[in-house]
Amino acid sequence: MHSTLGLFTTLHYDTTFIHLPTLSLEIKFGCNGLESIVLYISAVLAYKATLKEKLYGLGIGLLSIYAINIVRIMVLGYVGVNHFEYFDVMHTYITQNIMIVLVFFVFLIYINFVKSHEKQYGTNE
């Protein structure tokens, strides 16, 4: 995180805080993307697929969700430094909802993978 957000502004961090020039972001429990990860894991495990497909989907999907969450935090840092008046709306409504939608899209990509794998190699039973 330090190197990516540090490309746009000066920062330092300690424990759960990222200190930017005009504000500090505390990465609390809900900000770490864990809720999105649990939602995705539940969907993949509930979906009818082989163990290998589920493991593949979990690996790629979790990395994708982690990356998406880092971008979300970067956007919030940018908005907090440059457009602070919009920070609360971005944090509370926009980025959280976008995160859920993007997790859904990652899951749709997983479903597409399973379906194409099924067509190529036979049924999933």
Protein backbone atom coordinates (compact mmCIF):
# COMPACT_ATOMS: atom_id res chain seq x y z
CA MET A 1 0.00 0.00 0.00
CA HIS A 2 2.77 2.40 0.89
CA SER A 3 4.36 2.28 -2.54
CA THR A 4 1.09 2.59 -4.51
CA LEU A 5 -0.57 5.43 -2.62
CA GLY A 6 2.84 7.00 -2.12
CA LEU A 7 3.05 7.54 -5.87
CA PHE A 8 0.37 10.22 -5.61
CA THR A 9 1.18 11.96 -2.33
CA THR A 10 3.49 11.83 0.65
CA LEU A 11 2.44 9.47 3.40
CA HIS A 12 3.56 7.33 6.26
CA TYR A 13 1.76 4.65 8.16
CA ASP A 14 1.75 2.88 11.49
CA THR A 15 -0.39 0.05 12.83
CA THR A 16 -3.83 0.68 11.29
CA PHE A 17 -3.35 4.32 10.20
CA ILE A 18 -2.27 5.78 6.88
CA HIS A 19 -1.18 9.38 7.46
CA LEU A 20 -1.66 11.64 4.45
CA PRO A 21 -0.85 15.37 4.24
CA THR A 22 -4.30 16.59 5.35
CA LEU A 23 -5.90 13.56 7.02
CA SER A 24 -5.29 10.14 8.47
CA LEU A 25 -7.19 7.08 7.34
CA GLU A 26 -7.79 4.35 9.90
CA ILE A 27 -8.18 0.96 8.25
CA LYS A 28 -10.69 -0.65 10.61
CA PHE A 29 -12.24 -4.12 10.47
CA GLY A 30 -14.83 -3.25 7.81
CA CYS A 31 -12.29 -1.41 5.65
CA ASN A 32 -10.01 -4.40 5.11
CA GLY A 33 -12.32 -6.03 2.56
CA LEU A 34 -12.99 -9.03 4.80
CA GLU A 35 -16.77 -8.76 4.40
CA SER A 36 -16.41 -8.85 0.62
CA ILE A 37 -14.01 -11.78 0.85
CA VAL A 38 -16.42 -13.76 3.07
CA LEU A 39 -19.27 -13.01 0.66
CA TYR A 40 -17.19 -14.22 -2.29
CA ILE A 41 -15.94 -17.35 -0.51
CA SER A 42 -19.51 -18.26 0.45
CA ALA A 43 -20.73 -17.83 -3.12
CA VAL A 44 -17.89 -19.91 -4.61
CA LEU A 45 -18.30 -22.71 -2.06
CA ALA A 46 -22.07 -22.80 -2.62
CA TYR A 47 -21.77 -22.91 -6.41
CA LYS A 48 -21.77 -26.33 -8.06
CA ALA A 49 -18.22 -26.91 -9.30
CA THR A 50 -15.35 -29.33 -8.87
CA LEU A 51 -12.91 -28.88 -6.01
CA LYS A 52 -10.19 -27.85 -8.48
CA GLU A 53 -12.46 -25.19 -10.01
CA LYS A 54 -13.39 -23.89 -6.56
CA LEU A 55 -9.76 -23.67 -5.49
CA TYR A 56 -8.86 -21.87 -8.71
CA GLY A 57 -11.81 -19.50 -8.28
CA LEU A 58 -10.92 -18.80 -4.67
CA GLY A 59 -7.28 -18.10 -5.47
CA ILE A 60 -7.83 -15.78 -8.40
CA GLY A 61 -10.97 -14.21 -6.92
CA LEU A 62 -9.45 -13.42 -3.54
CA LEU A 63 -6.40 -11.82 -5.14
CA SER A 64 -8.72 -9.76 -7.35
CA ILE A 65 -10.86 -8.63 -4.42
CA TYR A 66 -7.76 -7.73 -2.41
CA ALA A 67 -6.47 -5.62 -5.32
CA ILE A 68 -9.88 -3.97 -5.76
CA ASN A 69 -9.93 -3.07 -2.07
CA ILE A 70 -6.46 -1.52 -2.28
CA VAL A 71 -7.66 0.62 -5.19
CA ARG A 72 -10.73 1.58 -3.12
CA ILE A 73 -8.52 2.76 -0.27
CA MET A 74 -6.32 4.66 -2.72
CA VAL A 75 -9.38 6.42 -4.17
CA LEU A 76 -10.57 7.31 -0.68
CA GLY A 77 -7.12 8.68 0.15
CA TYR A 78 -7.12 10.77 -3.02
CA VAL A 79 -10.62 12.11 -2.34
CA GLY A 80 -9.75 12.78 1.30
CA VAL A 81 -6.68 14.83 0.37
CA ASN A 82 -8.02 16.64 -2.70
CA HIS A 83 -11.81 16.79 -2.28
CA PHE A 84 -12.46 16.32 1.42
CA GLU A 85 -16.02 17.64 1.17
CA TYR A 86 -16.96 14.46 -0.74
CA PHE A 87 -15.07 12.01 1.48
CA ASP A 88 -17.99 10.89 3.68
CA VAL A 89 -20.29 10.28 0.71
CA MET A 90 -17.53 8.40 -1.15
CA HIS A 91 -16.69 6.29 1.88
CA THR A 92 -20.17 5.55 3.15
CA TYR A 93 -22.15 5.13 -0.04
CA ILE A 94 -20.17 5.04 -3.26
CA THR A 95 -17.05 2.94 -2.67
CA GLN A 96 -18.79 0.40 -0.43
CA ASN A 97 -21.50 -0.21 -3.02
CA ILE A 98 -19.00 -0.31 -5.86
CA MET A 99 -17.02 -2.89 -3.88
CA ILE A 100 -20.08 -5.16 -3.57
CA VAL A 101 -20.87 -4.78 -7.29
CA LEU A 102 -17.27 -5.59 -8.25
CA VAL A 103 -17.28 -8.69 -6.02
CA PHE A 104 -20.45 -9.76 -7.82
CA PHE A 105 -18.67 -9.26 -11.18
CA VAL A 106 -15.69 -11.31 -9.98
CA PHE A 107 -18.17 -14.06 -9.06
CA LEU A 108 -19.81 -13.81 -12.51
CA ILE A 109 -16.37 -14.27 -14.08
CA TYR A 110 -15.93 -17.37 -11.90
CA ILE A 111 -19.30 -18.73 -13.05
CA ASN A 112 -18.30 -18.10 -16.66
CA PHE A 113 -15.04 -19.97 -16.04
CA VAL A 114 -16.88 -22.96 -14.55
CA LYS A 115 -19.39 -23.03 -17.40
CA SER A 116 -16.69 -22.86 -20.09
CA HIS A 117 -14.66 -25.49 -18.25
CA GLU A 118 -17.77 -27.67 -18.09
CA LYS A 119 -18.35 -27.35 -21.86
CA GLN A 120 -14.71 -28.13 -22.59
CA TYR A 121 -14.24 -31.09 -20.24
CA GLY A 122 -17.74 -32.46 -19.66
CA THR A 123 -20.16 -32.20 -16.77
CA ASN A 124 -19.31 -31.10 -13.25
CA GLU A 125 -20.55 -34.13 -11.40
